PDB file of N, CA and C in Angstrom:
ATOM      1  N   MET A   1     -19.937   9.300  13.196  1.00  0.00           N
ATOM      2  CA  MET A   1     -18.650   9.569  12.671  1.00  0.00           C
ATOM      3  C   MET A   1     -17.782   8.512  12.665  1.00  0.00           C
ATOM      4  N   THR A   2     -17.255   7.933  11.582  1.00  0.00           N
ATOM      5  CA  THR A   2     -16.467   6.961  11.139  1.00  0.00           C
ATOM      6  C   THR A   2     -15.260   7.490  10.615  1.00  0.00           C
ATOM      7  N   GLU A   3     -13.830   7.136  11.252  1.00  0.00           N
ATOM      8  CA  GLU A   3     -12.779   7.378  10.883  1.00  0.00           C
ATOM      9  C   GLU A   3     -12.230   6.387  10.091  1.00  0.00           C
ATOM     10  N   GLU A   4     -11.493   6.703   9.024  1.00  0.00           N
ATOM     11  CA  GLU A   4     -10.885   5.722   8.044  1.00  0.00           C
ATOM     12  C   GLU A   4      -9.420   5.388   8.984  1.00  0.00           C
ATOM     13  N   PRO A   5      -8.907   4.079   8.607  1.00  0.00           N
ATOM     14  CA  PRO A   5      -7.970   3.588   9.283  1.00  0.00           C
ATOM     15  C   PRO A   5      -6.880   4.266   8.386  1.00  0.00           C
ATOM     16  N   MET A   6      -5.670   4.437   9.314  1.00  0.00           N
ATOM     17  CA  MET A   6      -4.473   5.021   8.511  1.00  0.00           C
ATOM     18  C   MET A   6      -3.675   4.393   7.695  1.00  0.00           C
ATOM     19  N   THR A   7      -3.902   2.996   7.918  1.00  0.00           N
ATOM     20  CA  THR A   7      -3.459   1.803   7.178  1.00  0.00           C
ATOM     21  C   THR A   7      -4.258   0.973   6.457  1.00  0.00           C
ATOM     22  N   LEU A   8      -3.738   0.376   5.541  1.00  0.00           N
ATOM     23  CA  LEU A   8      -4.487  -0.680   4.580  1.00  0.00           C
ATOM     24  C   LEU A   8      -3.778  -2.047   4.728  1.00  0.00           C
ATOM     25  N   SER A   9      -4.532  -3.261   4.233  1.00  0.00           N
ATOM     26  CA  SER A   9      -4.047  -4.350   4.247  1.00  0.00           C
ATOM     27  C   SER A   9      -3.709  -4.609   3.142  1.00  0.00           C
ATOM     28  N   VAL A  10      -2.764  -5.533   2.476  1.00  0.00           N
ATOM     29  CA  VAL A  10      -2.218  -5.866   1.299  1.00  0.00           C
ATOM     30  C   VAL A  10      -3.389  -5.990   0.118  1.00  0.00           C
ATOM     31  N   PRO A  11      -4.305  -6.806   0.884  1.00  0.00           N
ATOM     32  CA  PRO A  11      -5.423  -7.054  -0.346  1.00  0.00           C
ATOM     33  C   PRO A  11      -6.357  -5.542  -0.269  1.00  0.00           C
ATOM     34  N   GLU A  12      -6.466  -4.831   0.565  1.00  0.00           N
ATOM     35  CA  GLU A  12      -7.117  -3.506   0.255  1.00  0.00           C
ATOM     36  C   GLU A  12      -6.376  -2.717  -0.776  1.00  0.00           C
ATOM     37  N   VAL A  13      -5.054  -2.754  -0.584  1.00  0.00           N
ATOM     38  CA  VAL A  13      -4.236  -1.911  -1.278  1.00  0.00           C
ATOM     39  C   VAL A  13      -4.356  -2.434  -3.088  1.00  0.00           C
ATOM     40  N   ALA A  14      -4.324  -3.482  -3.118  1.00  0.00           N
ATOM     41  CA  ALA A  14      -4.415  -4.367  -4.343  1.00  0.00           C
ATOM     42  C   ALA A  14      -6.037  -4.130  -4.893  1.00  0.00           C
ATOM     43  N   LYS A  15      -6.922  -4.053  -4.065  1.00  0.00           N
ATOM     44  CA  LYS A  15      -8.132  -3.774  -4.603  1.00  0.00           C
ATOM     45  C   LYS A  15      -8.335  -2.240  -5.066  1.00  0.00           C
ATOM     46  N   ALA A  16      -7.808  -1.473  -3.812  1.00  0.00           N
ATOM     47  CA  ALA A  16      -7.748  -0.002  -4.502  1.00  0.00           C
ATOM     48  C   ALA A  16      -7.131   0.502  -5.494  1.00  0.00           C
ATOM     49  N   LEU A  17      -6.251  -0.517  -5.901  1.00  0.00           N
ATOM     50  CA  LEU A  17      -5.231   0.360  -6.730  1.00  0.00           C
ATOM     51  C   LEU A  17      -5.802  -0.510  -8.289  1.00  0.00           C
ATOM     52  N   GLY A  18      -6.292  -1.894  -8.048  1.00  0.00           N
ATOM     53  CA  GLY A  18      -6.795  -2.468  -9.102  1.00  0.00           C
ATOM     54  C   GLY A  18      -5.884  -3.418  -9.619  1.00  0.00           C
ATOM     55  N   VAL A  19      -4.734  -3.896  -8.752  1.00  0.00           N
ATOM     56  CA  VAL A  19      -3.803  -4.809  -9.354  1.00  0.00           C
ATOM     57  C   VAL A  19      -3.752  -5.853  -8.371  1.00  0.00           C
ATOM     58  N   GLY A  20      -3.111  -6.943  -8.820  1.00  0.00           N
ATOM     59  CA  GLY A  20      -3.001  -8.310  -7.998  1.00  0.00           C
ATOM     60  C   GLY A  20      -2.184  -7.981  -6.658  1.00  0.00           C
ATOM     61  N   LEU A  21      -2.434  -9.136  -5.954  1.00  0.00           N
ATOM     62  CA  LEU A  21      -1.725  -9.175  -4.302  1.00  0.00           C
ATOM     63  C   LEU A  21      -0.207  -9.290  -4.868  1.00  0.00           C
ATOM     64  N   GLN A  22       0.266  -9.971  -5.612  1.00  0.00           N
ATOM     65  CA  GLN A  22       1.573  -9.998  -6.135  1.00  0.00           C
ATOM     66  C   GLN A  22       2.026  -8.771  -6.396  1.00  0.00           C
ATOM     67  N   SER A  23       1.490  -8.158  -7.011  1.00  0.00           N
ATOM     68  CA  SER A  23       2.191  -6.566  -7.601  1.00  0.00           C
ATOM     69  C   SER A  23       2.222  -5.902  -6.414  1.00  0.00           C
ATOM     70  N   VAL A  24       1.493  -6.045  -5.759  1.00  0.00           N
ATOM     71  CA  VAL A  24       1.365  -5.130  -4.083  1.00  0.00           C
ATOM     72  C   VAL A  24       2.755  -5.654  -3.411  1.00  0.00           C
ATOM     73  N   TYR A  25       2.838  -6.837  -3.217  1.00  0.00           N
ATOM     74  CA  TYR A  25       4.075  -7.361  -2.470  1.00  0.00           C
ATOM     75  C   TYR A  25       5.350  -7.011  -3.056  1.00  0.00           C
ATOM     76  N   ARG A  26       5.270  -7.205  -4.421  1.00  0.00           N
ATOM     77  CA  ARG A  26       6.613  -6.907  -5.018  1.00  0.00           C
ATOM     78  C   ARG A  26       6.819  -5.508  -5.154  1.00  0.00           C
ATOM     79  N   ALA A  27       6.230  -4.532  -5.146  1.00  0.00           N
ATOM     80  CA  ALA A  27       6.160  -3.241  -4.985  1.00  0.00           C
ATOM     81  C   ALA A  27       6.782  -2.967  -3.505  1.00  0.00           C
ATOM     82  N   ILE A  28       6.202  -3.489  -2.529  1.00  0.00           N
ATOM     83  CA  ILE A  28       6.809  -3.573  -1.423  1.00  0.00           C
ATOM     84  C   ILE A  28       8.191  -4.034  -0.872  1.00  0.00           C
ATOM     85  N   GLN A  29       8.397  -4.956  -1.678  1.00  0.00           N
ATOM     86  CA  GLN A  29       9.641  -5.872  -1.472  1.00  0.00           C
ATOM     87  C   GLN A  29      10.906  -4.887  -2.085  1.00  0.00           C
ATOM     88  N   GLU A  30      10.582  -4.339  -3.358  1.00  0.00           N
ATOM     89  CA  GLU A  30      11.399  -3.328  -4.175  1.00  0.00           C
ATOM     90  C   GLU A  30      11.161  -2.082  -3.747  1.00  0.00           C
ATOM     91  N   LYS A  31      10.682  -1.687  -2.645  1.00  0.00           N
ATOM     92  CA  LYS A  31      10.893  -0.682  -1.767  1.00  0.00           C
ATOM     93  C   LYS A  31      10.012   0.576  -2.771  1.00  0.00           C
ATOM     94  N   ARG A  32       9.152   0.061  -3.819  1.00  0.00           N
ATOM     95  CA  ARG A  32       8.408   1.281  -4.400  1.00  0.00           C
ATOM     96  C   ARG A  32       7.154   1.760  -3.768  1.00  0.00           C
ATOM     97  N   LEU A  33       6.838   0.904  -2.517  1.00  0.00           N
ATOM     98  CA  LEU A  33       5.603   1.170  -1.670  1.00  0.00           C
ATOM     99  C   LEU A  33       6.108   0.843  -0.487  1.00  0.00           C
ATOM    100  N   PRO A  34       5.831   2.018   0.500  1.00  0.00           N
ATOM    101  CA  PRO A  34       6.043   1.748   2.139  1.00  0.00           C
ATOM    102  C   PRO A  34       5.400   0.923   2.570  1.00  0.00           C
ATOM    103  N   ALA A  35       5.610   0.187   3.521  1.00  0.00           N
ATOM    104  CA  ALA A  35       4.838  -0.701   4.521  1.00  0.00           C
ATOM    105  C   ALA A  35       5.400  -0.952   5.828  1.00  0.00           C
ATOM    106  N   LEU A  36       4.666  -1.125   6.661  1.00  0.00           N
ATOM    107  CA  LEU A  36       5.011  -1.606   8.221  1.00  0.00           C
ATOM    108  C   LEU A  36       4.495  -2.824   8.372  1.00  0.00           C
ATOM    109  N   ARG A  37       5.249  -3.587   9.306  1.00  0.00           N
ATOM    110  CA  ARG A  37       5.177  -4.760  10.049  1.00  0.00           C
ATOM    111  C   ARG A  37       4.477  -4.509  11.419  1.00  0.00           C
ATOM    112  N   VAL A  38       3.147  -4.930  11.551  1.00  0.00           N
ATOM    113  CA  VAL A  38       2.487  -4.533  12.995  1.00  0.00           C
ATOM    114  C   VAL A  38       2.040  -5.587  13.386  1.00  0.00           C
ATOM    115  N   GLY A  39       1.724  -5.864  14.817  1.00  0.00           N
ATOM    116  CA  GLY A  39       1.143  -6.863  15.232  1.00  0.00           C
ATOM    117  C   GLY A  39       2.139  -7.817  15.867  1.00  0.00           C
ATOM    118  N   THR A  40       1.654  -9.049  16.683  1.00  0.00           N
ATOM    119  CA  THR A  40       2.407  -9.795  17.478  1.00  0.00           C
ATOM    120  C   THR A  40       2.614 -11.201  16.339  1.00  0.00           C
ATOM    121  N   LYS A  41       1.437 -11.106  15.330  1.00  0.00           N
ATOM    122  CA  LYS A  41       1.800 -12.220  14.084  1.00  0.00           C
ATOM    123  C   LYS A  41       2.240 -11.148  12.939  1.00  0.00           C
ATOM    124  N   PRO A  42       3.216 -10.427  12.806  1.00  0.00           N
ATOM    125  CA  PRO A  42       3.616  -9.454  12.021  1.00  0.00           C
ATOM    126  C   PRO A  42       2.696  -9.580  10.479  1.00  0.00           C
ATOM    127  N   LYS A  43       1.819  -8.133  10.637  1.00  0.00           N
ATOM    128  CA  LYS A  43       1.370  -8.399   9.179  1.00  0.00           C
ATOM    129  C   LYS A  43       1.804  -7.103   8.492  1.00  0.00           C
ATOM    130  N   LEU A  44       1.739  -6.859   6.946  1.00  0.00           N
ATOM    131  CA  LEU A  44       2.026  -5.853   6.399  1.00  0.00           C
ATOM    132  C   LEU A  44       1.040  -4.550   6.361  1.00  0.00           C
ATOM    133  N   ARG A  45       1.233  -3.704   6.668  1.00  0.00           N
ATOM    134  CA  ARG A  45       0.232  -2.888   6.608  1.00  0.00           C
ATOM    135  C   ARG A  45       0.793  -1.479   5.659  1.00  0.00           C
ATOM    136  N   VAL A  46       0.147  -0.985   4.974  1.00  0.00           N
ATOM    137  CA  VAL A  46       0.575   0.186   3.947  1.00  0.00           C
ATOM    138  C   VAL A  46      -0.366   1.358   4.264  1.00  0.00           C
ATOM    139  N   PRO A  47       0.422   2.585   4.609  1.00  0.00           N
ATOM    140  CA  PRO A  47       0.124   3.725   5.010  1.00  0.00           C
ATOM    141  C   PRO A  47      -1.066   4.152   3.986  1.00  0.00           C
ATOM    142  N   ARG A  48      -2.220   4.502   4.338  1.00  0.00           N
ATOM    143  CA  ARG A  48      -3.080   5.380   3.418  1.00  0.00           C
ATOM    144  C   ARG A  48      -2.921   6.312   2.522  1.00  0.00           C
ATOM    145  N   VAL A  49      -1.963   7.259   2.868  1.00  0.00           N
ATOM    146  CA  VAL A  49      -1.487   8.291   2.349  1.00  0.00           C
ATOM    147  C   VAL A  49      -0.674   7.943   0.825  1.00  0.00           C
ATOM    148  N   ALA A  50       0.243   6.683   1.183  1.00  0.00           N
ATOM    149  CA  ALA A  50       1.056   6.271   0.187  1.00  0.00           C
ATOM    150  C   ALA A  50      -0.246   5.972  -1.088  1.00  0.00           C
ATOM    151  N   VAL A  51      -1.024   5.175  -0.556  1.00  0.00           N
ATOM    152  CA  VAL A  51      -2.055   4.787  -1.612  1.00  0.00           C
ATOM    153  C   VAL A  51      -2.809   5.782  -2.252  1.00  0.00           C
ATOM    154  N   GLU A  52      -3.151   6.661  -1.664  1.00  0.00           N
ATOM    155  CA  GLU A  52      -3.563   7.803  -2.211  1.00  0.00           C
ATOM    156  C   GLU A  52      -2.711   8.684  -3.237  1.00  0.00           C
ATOM    157  N   ARG A  53      -1.441   8.696  -2.749  1.00  0.00           N
ATOM    158  CA  ARG A  53      -0.562   9.464  -3.256  1.00  0.00           C
ATOM    159  C   ARG A  53      -0.219   8.572  -4.905  1.00  0.00           C
ATOM    160  N   LEU A  54      -0.599   7.508  -4.941  1.00  0.00           N
ATOM    161  CA  LEU A  54      -0.370   6.461  -5.976  1.00  0.00           C
ATOM    162  C   LEU A  54      -1.585   6.601  -6.953  1.00  0.00           C
ATOM    163  N   MET A  55      -2.760   6.894  -6.299  1.00  0.00           N
ATOM    164  CA  MET A  55      -3.983   7.124  -6.891  1.00  0.00           C
ATOM    165  C   MET A  55      -3.988   8.481  -7.677  1.00  0.00           C
ATOM    166  N   ASP A  56      -3.489   9.125  -7.230  1.00  0.00           N
ATOM    167  CA  ASP A  56      -3.184  10.869  -7.514  1.00  0.00           C
ATOM    168  C   ASP A  56      -2.173  10.859  -8.803  1.00  0.00           C
ATOM    169  N   ASP A  57      -1.128  10.039  -8.502  1.00  0.00           N
ATOM    170  CA  ASP A  57      -0.222  10.258  -9.816  1.00  0.00           C
ATOM    171  C   ASP A  57       0.521   8.325  -9.991  1.00  0.00           C
ATOM    172  N   PRO A  58      -0.269   7.839 -11.031  1.00  0.00           N
ATOM    173  CA  PRO A  58      -0.245   6.557 -11.244  1.00  0.00           C
ATOM    174  C   PRO A  58       1.325   6.251 -11.292  1.00  0.00           C
ATOM    175  N   GLY A  59       2.020   7.272 -12.036  1.00  0.00           N
ATOM    176  CA  GLY A  59       3.253   7.384 -12.541  1.00  0.00           C
ATOM    177  C   GLY A  59       4.227   7.017 -11.340  1.00  0.00           C
ATOM    178  N   ALA A  60       3.736   7.374 -10.070  1.00  0.00           N
ATOM    179  CA  ALA A  60       4.610   7.233  -9.045  1.00  0.00           C
ATOM    180  C   ALA A  60       5.026   5.902  -8.505  1.00  0.00           C
ATOM    181  N   TRP A  61       4.087   4.658  -8.920  1.00  0.00           N
ATOM    182  CA  TRP A  61       4.221   3.469  -8.966  1.00  0.00           C
ATOM    183  C   TRP A  61       5.387   3.079  -9.395  1.00  0.00           C
ATOM    184  N   GLN A  62       5.917   3.298 -10.478  1.00  0.00           N
ATOM    185  CA  GLN A  62       7.081   2.979 -11.343  1.00  0.00           C
ATOM    186  C   GLN A  62       8.291   3.613 -10.677  1.00  0.00           C
ATOM    187  N   ARG A  63       7.771   5.160 -10.461  1.00  0.00           N
ATOM    188  CA  ARG A  63       9.084   5.714  -9.640  1.00  0.00           C
ATOM    189  C   ARG A  63       9.728   5.408  -8.375  1.00  0.00           C
ATOM    190  N   GLY A  64       8.492   4.628  -7.694  1.00  0.00           N
ATOM    191  CA  GLY A  64       8.954   4.293  -6.218  1.00  0.00           C
ATOM    192  C   GLY A  64       8.489   5.401  -5.106  1.00  0.00           C
ATOM    193  N   GLU A  65       7.582   5.983  -5.531  1.00  0.00           N
ATOM    194  CA  GLU A  65       7.279   7.403  -5.039  1.00  0.00           C
ATOM    195  C   GLU A  65       6.138   7.260  -4.027  1.00  0.00           C
ATOM    196  N   GLY A  66       5.736   6.121  -3.507  1.00  0.00           N
ATOM    197  CA  GLY A  66       4.695   5.755  -2.860  1.00  0.00           C
ATOM    198  C   GLY A  66       4.426   6.655  -1.585  1.00  0.00           C
TER     199      GLY A  66
END
């Protein structure tokens, strides 16, 4: 049994949503998509649930409801 990770990297989010990396980084910067900085060399991680919400309701991307 494999568990899916609770967070995704920016490239994983871009691929899942079918958008470019810069779109994801911009959405994070504009607080339209939540992200965490984790690790000793901080990396951005996006909660999987936020990506799933955007996939269920694409309009949420514009409204900042990730």
